[in-house]
């Protein structure tokens, strides 16, 4: 892990298109600004981890579950 010390108004650049700037520090929190292309997906860590977990759970489908879902769809037509 790269560890940097930055002051308010200073920042870091990631690649050619992402800039992170320290906006404010207050108590134990830091406000940061992220300047990146709109096409770049940026998540808070806890949200990203939740997405990953839900994706892992989605991969755990059993064929029995799929058969039951498929059967209920064909019966409703």
C-alpha atoms as a PDB file:
ATOM      1  CA  UNK A   1       0.000   0.000   0.000  1.00  0.00           C
ATOM      2  CA  UNK A   2       1.290   3.445  -0.880  1.00  0.00           C
ATOM      3  CA  UNK A   3       0.912   5.847   2.050  1.00  0.00           C
ATOM      4  CA  UNK A   4       1.036   9.601   1.376  1.00  0.00           C
ATOM      5  CA  UNK A   5       0.721  12.686   3.528  1.00  0.00           C
ATOM      6  CA  UNK A   6      -1.255  15.516   1.925  1.00  0.00           C
ATOM      7  CA  UNK A   7      -2.455  18.910   3.117  1.00  0.00           C
ATOM      8  CA  UNK A   8      -5.724  20.651   2.236  1.00  0.00           C
ATOM      9  CA  UNK A   9      -5.624  21.632  -1.420  1.00  0.00           C
ATOM     10  CA  UNK A  10      -2.993  19.039  -2.285  1.00  0.00           C
ATOM     11  CA  UNK A  11      -3.791  15.886  -4.147  1.00  0.00           C
ATOM     12  CA  UNK A  12      -2.621  12.866  -6.058  1.00  0.00           C
ATOM     13  CA  UNK A  13      -3.042  11.746  -9.644  1.00  0.00           C
ATOM     14  CA  UNK A  14      -3.894   8.170 -10.625  1.00  0.00           C
ATOM     15  CA  UNK A  15      -3.135   7.277 -14.214  1.00  0.00           C
ATOM     16  CA  UNK A  16      -3.778  10.027 -16.728  1.00  0.00           C
ATOM     17  CA  UNK A  17      -7.395  10.739 -15.861  1.00  0.00           C
ATOM     18  CA  UNK A  18      -8.095  10.575 -12.118  1.00  0.00           C
ATOM     19  CA  UNK A  19      -7.192  13.335  -9.665  1.00  0.00           C
ATOM     20  CA  UNK A  20      -7.914  13.156  -5.942  1.00  0.00           C
ATOM     21  CA  UNK A  21      -7.786  16.378  -3.915  1.00  0.00           C
ATOM     22  CA  UNK A  22      -7.931  16.854  -0.137  1.00  0.00           C
ATOM     23  CA  UNK A  23     -10.736  19.369   0.474  1.00  0.00           C
ATOM     24  CA  UNK A  24     -11.100  19.482   4.250  1.00  0.00           C
ATOM     25  CA  UNK A  25     -10.115  17.760   7.463  1.00  0.00           C
ATOM     26  CA  UNK A  26     -12.359  17.901  10.496  1.00  0.00           C
ATOM     27  CA  UNK A  27     -11.946  15.806  13.606  1.00  0.00           C
ATOM     28  CA  UNK A  28     -11.199  12.296  12.439  1.00  0.00           C
ATOM     29  CA  UNK A  29     -12.624  12.715   8.941  1.00  0.00           C
ATOM     30  CA  UNK A  30     -11.231  13.867   5.618  1.00  0.00           C
ATOM     31  CA  UNK A  31     -13.289  15.236   2.717  1.00  0.00           C
ATOM     32  CA  UNK A  32     -11.814  14.391  -0.650  1.00  0.00           C
ATOM     33  CA  UNK A  33     -12.737  15.383  -4.170  1.00  0.00           C
ATOM     34  CA  UNK A  34     -12.398  12.984  -7.067  1.00  0.00           C
ATOM     35  CA  UNK A  35     -12.066  14.363 -10.579  1.00  0.00           C
ATOM     36  CA  UNK A  36     -12.481  11.562 -13.130  1.00  0.00           C
ATOM     37  CA  UNK A  37     -14.229  10.895 -16.429  1.00  0.00           C
ATOM     38  CA  UNK A  38     -17.957  10.197 -16.105  1.00  0.00           C
ATOM     39  CA  UNK A  39     -17.424   6.753 -17.644  1.00  0.00           C
ATOM     40  CA  UNK A  40     -15.146   5.776 -14.728  1.00  0.00           C
ATOM     41  CA  UNK A  41     -17.123   4.031 -11.975  1.00  0.00           C
ATOM     42  CA  UNK A  42     -16.216   5.273  -8.499  1.00  0.00           C
ATOM     43  CA  UNK A  43     -17.643   3.687  -5.354  1.00  0.00           C
ATOM     44  CA  UNK A  44     -17.210   4.130  -1.630  1.00  0.00           C
ATOM     45  CA  UNK A  45     -15.383   1.041  -0.384  1.00  0.00           C
ATOM     46  CA  UNK A  46     -18.315  -0.354   1.618  1.00  0.00           C
ATOM     47  CA  UNK A  47     -20.612  -0.058  -1.415  1.00  0.00           C
ATOM     48  CA  UNK A  48     -18.064  -1.747  -3.687  1.00  0.00           C
ATOM     49  CA  UNK A  49     -17.640  -4.589  -1.195  1.00  0.00           C
ATOM     50  CA  UNK A  50     -21.440  -5.039  -1.037  1.00  0.00           C
ATOM     51  CA  UNK A  51     -21.641  -5.207  -4.845  1.00  0.00           C
ATOM     52  CA  UNK A  52     -18.883  -7.832  -4.891  1.00  0.00           C
ATOM     53  CA  UNK A  53     -20.636  -9.880  -2.212  1.00  0.00           C
ATOM     54  CA  UNK A  54     -23.961  -9.768  -4.064  1.00  0.00           C
ATOM     55  CA  UNK A  55     -22.210 -10.845  -7.260  1.00  0.00           C
ATOM     56  CA  UNK A  56     -20.611 -13.787  -5.421  1.00  0.00           C
ATOM     57  CA  UNK A  57     -24.028 -14.772  -4.027  1.00  0.00           C
ATOM     58  CA  UNK A  58     -25.572 -14.560  -7.487  1.00  0.00           C
ATOM     59  CA  UNK A  59     -23.014 -17.074  -8.747  1.00  0.00           C
ATOM     60  CA  UNK A  60     -24.155 -19.603  -6.126  1.00  0.00           C
ATOM     61  CA  UNK A  61     -27.506 -20.354  -7.772  1.00  0.00           C
ATOM     62  CA  UNK A  62     -28.363 -24.004  -7.783  1.00  0.00           C
ATOM     63  CA  UNK A  63     -29.904 -25.557 -10.909  1.00  0.00           C
ATOM     64  CA  UNK A  64     -32.951 -26.468  -8.764  1.00  0.00           C
ATOM     65  CA  UNK A  65     -33.515 -22.757  -8.116  1.00  0.00           C
ATOM     66  CA  UNK A  66     -33.254 -22.010 -11.829  1.00  0.00           C
ATOM     67  CA  UNK A  67     -35.663 -24.833 -12.708  1.00  0.00           C
ATOM     68  CA  UNK A  68     -38.198 -23.553 -10.150  1.00  0.00           C
ATOM     69  CA  UNK A  69     -37.945 -20.004 -11.506  1.00  0.00           C
ATOM     70  CA  UNK A  70     -38.233 -21.190 -15.091  1.00  0.00           C
ATOM     71  CA  UNK A  71     -41.243 -23.337 -14.219  1.00  0.00           C
ATOM     72  CA  UNK A  72     -43.045 -20.464 -12.509  1.00  0.00           C
ATOM     73  CA  UNK A  73     -42.453 -18.228 -15.528  1.00  0.00           C
ATOM     74  CA  UNK A  74     -43.871 -20.722 -18.013  1.00  0.00           C
ATOM     75  CA  UNK A  75     -46.947 -21.396 -15.806  1.00  0.00           C
ATOM     76  CA  UNK A  76     -47.798 -17.694 -15.599  1.00  0.00           C
ATOM     77  CA  UNK A  77     -48.127 -17.293 -19.386  1.00  0.00           C
END
